[in-house]
Amino acid sequence: MEVRHIRSTFGDYLYDIRFIILFYVIGDWASTFYALPFGTEYNPVPAMILENYGIYHLLLIKIAFILLLFYVAPIIKVSKGRWELTKHIIESVGILVTVNNLMVVWYGSSLVETLGLV
């Protein structure tokens, strides 16, 4: 069986992942930026990055993730269903963490705390 890698231009790729960029990169980063004075980062990896390197390094890591995803996307796209699932999972995580951070800013309590997960 021949494996065909599907290549697209970087612009096509960025359009395809526009909701990942909107929620996982911009939404999460910006809401984290604004929520930090009101609460604590509970996820240990971002907390370590924030503590040791600062908020802008967190953004750089998110951009690096987008570039890595571009590199592996042709392998994932061999199965259209797998690519759509991958995108939707990352988008969903982005929406969840953005809403969580916004709740900290607006209500003083996060979604994770409200659900009793921490």
N, C-alpha and C. Protein backbone atom coordinates (compact mmCIF):
# COMPACT_ATOMS: atom_id res chain seq x y z
N MET A 1 0.84 -1.18 0.00
CA MET A 1 0.00 0.00 0.00
C MET A 1 0.89 1.24 0.00
N GLU A 2 0.63 2.11 -0.90
CA GLU A 2 1.41 3.34 -1.02
C GLU A 2 0.81 4.42 -0.12
N VAL A 3 1.67 5.08 0.64
CA VAL A 3 1.25 6.18 1.49
C VAL A 3 1.53 7.47 0.75
N ARG A 4 0.47 8.23 0.52
CA ARG A 4 0.62 9.50 -0.18
C ARG A 4 0.52 10.63 0.80
N HIS A 5 1.52 11.47 0.81
CA HIS A 5 1.50 12.64 1.69
C HIS A 5 0.82 13.79 0.96
N ILE A 6 -0.11 14.38 1.64
CA ILE A 6 -0.85 15.49 1.05
C ILE A 6 -0.22 16.78 1.54
N ARG A 7 0.35 17.53 0.63
CA ARG A 7 1.00 18.80 0.96
C ARG A 7 0.08 19.95 0.57
N SER A 8 0.09 20.94 1.39
CA SER A 8 -0.64 22.16 1.04
C SER A 8 0.29 23.34 1.31
N THR A 9 -0.10 24.46 0.81
CA THR A 9 0.71 25.64 1.09
C THR A 9 0.50 26.04 2.54
N PHE A 10 1.41 26.82 3.06
CA PHE A 10 1.31 27.25 4.45
C PHE A 10 0.07 28.11 4.65
N GLY A 11 -0.29 28.90 3.66
CA GLY A 11 -1.50 29.72 3.74
C GLY A 11 -2.76 28.87 3.83
N ASP A 12 -2.82 27.80 3.01
CA ASP A 12 -3.95 26.87 3.07
C ASP A 12 -4.02 26.22 4.45
N TYR A 13 -2.86 25.84 4.96
CA TYR A 13 -2.78 25.21 6.27
C TYR A 13 -3.29 26.17 7.36
N LEU A 14 -2.85 27.42 7.32
CA LEU A 14 -3.28 28.39 8.33
C LEU A 14 -4.79 28.61 8.27
N TYR A 15 -5.35 28.63 7.06
CA TYR A 15 -6.80 28.76 6.93
C TYR A 15 -7.50 27.54 7.51
N ASP A 16 -6.95 26.37 7.26
CA ASP A 16 -7.53 25.12 7.73
C ASP A 16 -7.54 25.04 9.26
N ILE A 17 -6.55 25.63 9.90
CA ILE A 17 -6.46 25.57 11.37
C ILE A 17 -6.84 26.90 12.02
N ARG A 18 -7.62 27.71 11.33
CA ARG A 18 -7.95 29.05 11.83
C ARG A 18 -8.60 29.02 13.22
N PHE A 19 -9.40 28.00 13.53
CA PHE A 19 -10.03 27.96 14.84
C PHE A 19 -9.04 27.50 15.91
N ILE A 20 -8.05 26.70 15.52
CA ILE A 20 -6.98 26.35 16.46
C ILE A 20 -6.20 27.62 16.80
N ILE A 21 -5.88 28.41 15.79
CA ILE A 21 -5.15 29.66 16.02
C ILE A 21 -5.98 30.60 16.88
N LEU A 22 -7.27 30.70 16.57
CA LEU A 22 -8.14 31.62 17.31
C LEU A 22 -8.28 31.23 18.77
N PHE A 23 -8.57 29.96 19.06
CA PHE A 23 -8.85 29.56 20.43
C PHE A 23 -7.63 29.02 21.17
N TYR A 24 -6.87 28.11 20.55
CA TYR A 24 -5.76 27.47 21.26
C TYR A 24 -4.55 28.39 21.41
N VAL A 25 -4.29 29.18 20.38
CA VAL A 25 -3.12 30.06 20.44
C VAL A 25 -3.52 31.43 21.01
N ILE A 26 -4.33 32.17 20.29
CA ILE A 26 -4.65 33.55 20.68
C ILE A 26 -5.56 33.58 21.91
N GLY A 27 -6.66 32.84 21.87
CA GLY A 27 -7.61 32.87 22.97
C GLY A 27 -7.00 32.42 24.29
N ASP A 28 -6.32 31.28 24.27
CA ASP A 28 -5.72 30.77 25.50
C ASP A 28 -4.62 31.70 25.99
N TRP A 29 -3.76 32.14 25.08
CA TRP A 29 -2.65 32.99 25.51
C TRP A 29 -3.14 34.33 26.06
N ALA A 30 -4.03 34.99 25.31
CA ALA A 30 -4.52 36.30 25.75
C ALA A 30 -5.31 36.20 27.05
N SER A 31 -6.15 35.17 27.16
CA SER A 31 -6.93 35.03 28.39
C SER A 31 -6.04 34.64 29.56
N THR A 32 -4.98 33.87 29.32
CA THR A 32 -4.01 33.57 30.38
C THR A 32 -3.31 34.85 30.81
N PHE A 33 -2.92 35.66 29.84
CA PHE A 33 -2.26 36.94 30.12
C PHE A 33 -3.12 37.79 31.06
N TYR A 34 -4.42 37.87 30.76
CA TYR A 34 -5.30 38.71 31.57
C TYR A 34 -5.74 38.03 32.86
N ALA A 35 -5.77 36.69 32.89
CA ALA A 35 -6.25 35.97 34.08
C ALA A 35 -5.19 35.81 35.16
N LEU A 36 -3.91 35.87 34.80
CA LEU A 36 -2.86 35.61 35.78
C LEU A 36 -2.93 36.50 37.03
N PRO A 37 -3.24 37.78 36.91
CA PRO A 37 -3.35 38.58 38.14
C PRO A 37 -4.51 38.15 39.05
N PHE A 38 -5.47 37.40 38.50
CA PHE A 38 -6.67 37.01 39.25
C PHE A 38 -6.60 35.59 39.80
N GLY A 39 -5.64 34.80 39.34
CA GLY A 39 -5.60 33.40 39.76
C GLY A 39 -4.25 32.78 39.52
N THR A 40 -4.23 31.45 39.57
CA THR A 40 -3.01 30.68 39.44
C THR A 40 -3.14 29.72 38.27
N GLU A 41 -2.05 29.51 37.56
CA GLU A 41 -2.02 28.51 36.48
C GLU A 41 -1.90 27.14 37.12
N TYR A 42 -2.91 26.28 36.90
CA TYR A 42 -2.91 24.96 37.51
C TYR A 42 -2.22 23.90 36.67
N ASN A 43 -2.15 24.11 35.37
CA ASN A 43 -1.48 23.13 34.52
C ASN A 43 0.02 23.24 34.78
N PRO A 44 0.67 22.14 35.18
CA PRO A 44 2.07 22.23 35.60
C PRO A 44 3.05 22.66 34.50
N VAL A 45 2.81 22.27 33.27
CA VAL A 45 3.75 22.63 32.20
C VAL A 45 3.70 24.14 31.91
N PRO A 46 2.53 24.70 31.62
CA PRO A 46 2.51 26.16 31.43
C PRO A 46 2.93 26.92 32.68
N ALA A 47 2.59 26.39 33.86
CA ALA A 47 2.99 27.06 35.10
C ALA A 47 4.51 27.16 35.20
N MET A 48 5.20 26.08 34.83
CA MET A 48 6.67 26.08 34.86
C MET A 48 7.23 27.07 33.84
N ILE A 49 6.63 27.08 32.65
CA ILE A 49 7.09 28.02 31.61
C ILE A 49 6.88 29.45 32.06
N LEU A 50 5.71 29.73 32.61
CA LEU A 50 5.40 31.08 33.08
C LEU A 50 6.34 31.50 34.20
N GLU A 51 6.58 30.60 35.13
CA GLU A 51 7.43 30.94 36.27
C GLU A 51 8.88 31.16 35.86
N ASN A 52 9.40 30.32 34.98
CA ASN A 52 10.82 30.38 34.62
C ASN A 52 11.13 31.30 33.44
N TYR A 53 10.18 31.45 32.52
CA TYR A 53 10.50 32.17 31.29
C TYR A 53 9.56 33.34 30.98
N GLY A 54 8.35 33.30 31.49
CA GLY A 54 7.42 34.39 31.25
C GLY A 54 6.35 34.08 30.23
N ILE A 55 5.39 34.97 30.15
CA ILE A 55 4.20 34.79 29.32
C ILE A 55 4.51 34.76 27.83
N TYR A 56 5.52 35.51 27.38
CA TYR A 56 5.81 35.56 25.95
C TYR A 56 6.46 34.27 25.44
N HIS A 57 7.14 33.56 26.31
CA HIS A 57 7.69 32.26 25.92
C HIS A 57 6.56 31.24 25.75
N LEU A 58 5.50 31.39 26.53
CA LEU A 58 4.35 30.52 26.35
C LEU A 58 3.76 30.72 24.95
N LEU A 59 3.69 31.95 24.49
CA LEU A 59 3.21 32.23 23.14
C LEU A 59 4.15 31.63 22.10
N LEU A 60 5.46 31.75 22.31
CA LEU A 60 6.41 31.16 21.36
C LEU A 60 6.26 29.65 21.28
N ILE A 61 5.98 29.00 22.40
CA ILE A 61 5.78 27.55 22.39
C ILE A 61 4.51 27.19 21.63
N LYS A 62 3.47 27.99 21.77
CA LYS A 62 2.24 27.75 21.02
C LYS A 62 2.49 27.92 19.51
N ILE A 63 3.27 28.90 19.14
CA ILE A 63 3.60 29.10 17.72
C ILE A 63 4.46 27.93 17.23
N ALA A 64 5.38 27.46 18.04
CA ALA A 64 6.19 26.29 17.68
C ALA A 64 5.30 25.07 17.49
N PHE A 65 4.27 24.93 18.32
CA PHE A 65 3.32 23.83 18.17
C PHE A 65 2.62 23.90 16.81
N ILE A 66 2.22 25.10 16.39
CA ILE A 66 1.56 25.28 15.09
C ILE A 66 2.50 24.87 13.96
N LEU A 67 3.78 25.23 14.08
CA LEU A 67 4.76 24.87 13.05
C LEU A 67 5.00 23.36 13.04
N LEU A 68 5.06 22.74 14.20
CA LEU A 68 5.22 21.28 14.28
C LEU A 68 4.01 20.58 13.69
N LEU A 69 2.83 21.09 13.97
CA LEU A 69 1.61 20.51 13.41
C LEU A 69 1.61 20.61 11.89
N PHE A 70 2.13 21.70 11.34
CA PHE A 70 2.24 21.84 9.88
C PHE A 70 3.14 20.75 9.32
N TYR A 71 4.20 20.45 10.04
CA TYR A 71 5.16 19.44 9.60
C TYR A 71 4.54 18.04 9.60
N VAL A 72 3.74 17.72 10.62
CA VAL A 72 3.16 16.37 10.71
C VAL A 72 1.79 16.26 10.07
N ALA A 73 1.18 17.38 9.70
CA ALA A 73 -0.16 17.37 9.10
C ALA A 73 -0.26 16.46 7.87
N PRO A 74 0.72 16.43 6.97
CA PRO A 74 0.57 15.54 5.81
C PRO A 74 0.45 14.07 6.20
N ILE A 75 1.09 13.68 7.26
CA ILE A 75 0.98 12.29 7.72
C ILE A 75 -0.40 12.05 8.32
N ILE A 76 -0.89 13.01 9.09
CA ILE A 76 -2.21 12.88 9.70
C ILE A 76 -3.29 12.92 8.63
N LYS A 77 -3.08 13.72 7.58
CA LYS A 77 -4.10 13.90 6.53
C LYS A 77 -4.26 12.69 5.63
N VAL A 78 -3.43 11.68 5.80
CA VAL A 78 -3.62 10.45 5.02
C VAL A 78 -5.03 9.93 5.26
N SER A 79 -5.52 10.13 6.46
CA SER A 79 -6.89 9.80 6.79
C SER A 79 -7.63 11.10 7.09
N LYS A 80 -8.56 11.49 6.23
CA LYS A 80 -9.27 12.75 6.42
C LYS A 80 -9.98 12.79 7.76
N GLY A 81 -10.55 11.69 8.15
CA GLY A 81 -11.23 11.63 9.43
C GLY A 81 -10.29 11.90 10.60
N ARG A 82 -9.07 11.40 10.49
CA ARG A 82 -8.09 11.59 11.57
C ARG A 82 -7.68 13.07 11.66
N TRP A 83 -7.52 13.73 10.52
CA TRP A 83 -7.15 15.15 10.52
C TRP A 83 -8.26 15.99 11.12
N GLU A 84 -9.51 15.70 10.73
CA GLU A 84 -10.64 16.45 11.28
C GLU A 84 -10.75 16.22 12.79
N LEU A 85 -10.58 15.00 13.24
CA LEU A 85 -10.62 14.70 14.67
C LEU A 85 -9.51 15.43 15.42
N THR A 86 -8.31 15.42 14.87
CA THR A 86 -7.17 16.11 15.50
C THR A 86 -7.46 17.59 15.64
N LYS A 87 -7.95 18.20 14.57
CA LYS A 87 -8.28 19.63 14.62
C LYS A 87 -9.35 19.91 15.66
N HIS A 88 -10.39 19.10 15.69
CA HIS A 88 -11.50 19.35 16.61
C HIS A 88 -11.08 19.16 18.07
N ILE A 89 -10.20 18.23 18.33
CA ILE A 89 -9.71 18.03 19.70
C ILE A 89 -8.93 19.26 20.15
N ILE A 90 -8.01 19.74 19.31
CA ILE A 90 -7.20 20.91 19.67
C ILE A 90 -8.08 22.16 19.80
N GLU A 91 -9.03 22.32 18.88
CA GLU A 91 -9.96 23.45 18.97
C GLU A 91 -10.76 23.39 20.27
N SER A 92 -11.23 22.21 20.63
CA SER A 92 -12.03 22.04 21.85
C SER A 92 -11.22 22.36 23.09
N VAL A 93 -9.98 21.92 23.13
CA VAL A 93 -9.10 22.25 24.25
C VAL A 93 -8.92 23.77 24.32
N GLY A 94 -8.72 24.40 23.18
CA GLY A 94 -8.56 25.86 23.14
C GLY A 94 -9.79 26.58 23.66
N ILE A 95 -10.97 26.14 23.26
CA ILE A 95 -12.21 26.75 23.74
C ILE A 95 -12.35 26.55 25.24
N LEU A 96 -12.08 25.33 25.72
CA LEU A 96 -12.21 25.03 27.14
C LEU A 96 -11.28 25.89 27.99
N VAL A 97 -10.01 26.00 27.61
CA VAL A 97 -9.07 26.77 28.43
C VAL A 97 -9.34 28.27 28.31
N THR A 98 -9.81 28.73 27.17
CA THR A 98 -10.16 30.14 27.03
C THR A 98 -11.34 30.48 27.92
N VAL A 99 -12.38 29.65 27.90
CA VAL A 99 -13.55 29.87 28.76
C VAL A 99 -13.13 29.81 30.23
N ASN A 100 -12.30 28.83 30.56
CA ASN A 100 -11.81 28.69 31.93
C ASN A 100 -11.10 29.97 32.40
N ASN A 101 -10.21 30.48 31.57
CA ASN A 101 -9.47 31.70 31.93
C ASN A 101 -10.39 32.91 32.02
N LEU A 102 -11.34 33.02 31.11
CA LEU A 102 -12.26 34.15 31.15
C LEU A 102 -13.15 34.11 32.40
N MET A 103 -13.51 32.91 32.84
CA MET A 103 -14.28 32.79 34.08
C MET A 103 -13.48 33.29 35.27
N VAL A 104 -12.17 33.05 35.25
CA VAL A 104 -11.31 33.55 36.34
C VAL A 104 -11.34 35.08 36.36
N VAL A 105 -11.25 35.67 35.18
CA VAL A 105 -11.24 37.13 35.09
C VAL A 105 -12.59 37.71 35.49
N TRP A 106 -13.68 37.16 34.95
CA TRP A 106 -15.00 37.75 35.16
C TRP A 106 -15.66 37.36 36.48
N TYR A 107 -15.44 36.10 36.93
CA TYR A 107 -16.16 35.60 38.10
C TYR A 107 -15.26 35.28 39.29
N GLY A 108 -13.95 35.32 39.10
CA GLY A 108 -13.03 35.02 40.19
C GLY A 108 -12.90 33.54 40.50
N SER A 109 -13.51 32.71 39.69
CA SER A 109 -13.44 31.26 39.87
C SER A 109 -13.42 30.61 38.50
N SER A 110 -12.60 29.60 38.33
CA SER A 110 -12.46 28.97 37.02
C SER A 110 -13.49 27.86 36.84
N LEU A 111 -13.68 27.46 35.62
CA LEU A 111 -14.56 26.34 35.28
C LEU A 111 -14.06 25.07 35.96
N VAL A 112 -12.75 24.89 35.99
CA VAL A 112 -12.15 23.70 36.60
C VAL A 112 -12.45 23.69 38.11
N GLU A 113 -12.35 24.84 38.75
CA GLU A 113 -12.66 24.94 40.18
C GLU A 113 -14.16 24.72 40.43
N THR A 114 -15.00 25.30 39.58
CA THR A 114 -16.45 25.16 39.72
C THR A 114 -16.87 23.71 39.62
N LEU A 115 -16.23 22.97 38.72
CA LEU A 115 -16.57 21.55 38.55
C LEU A 115 -15.91 20.67 39.62
N GLY A 116 -15.06 21.28 40.46
CA GLY A 116 -14.41 20.54 41.54
C GLY A 116 -13.25 19.67 41.09
N LEU A 117 -12.64 20.01 39.97
CA LEU A 117 -11.54 19.21 39.44
C LEU A 117 -10.19 19.56 40.07
N VAL A 118 -10.11 20.71 40.77
CA VAL A 118 -8.91 21.08 41.52
C VAL A 118 -9.32 21.63 42.87
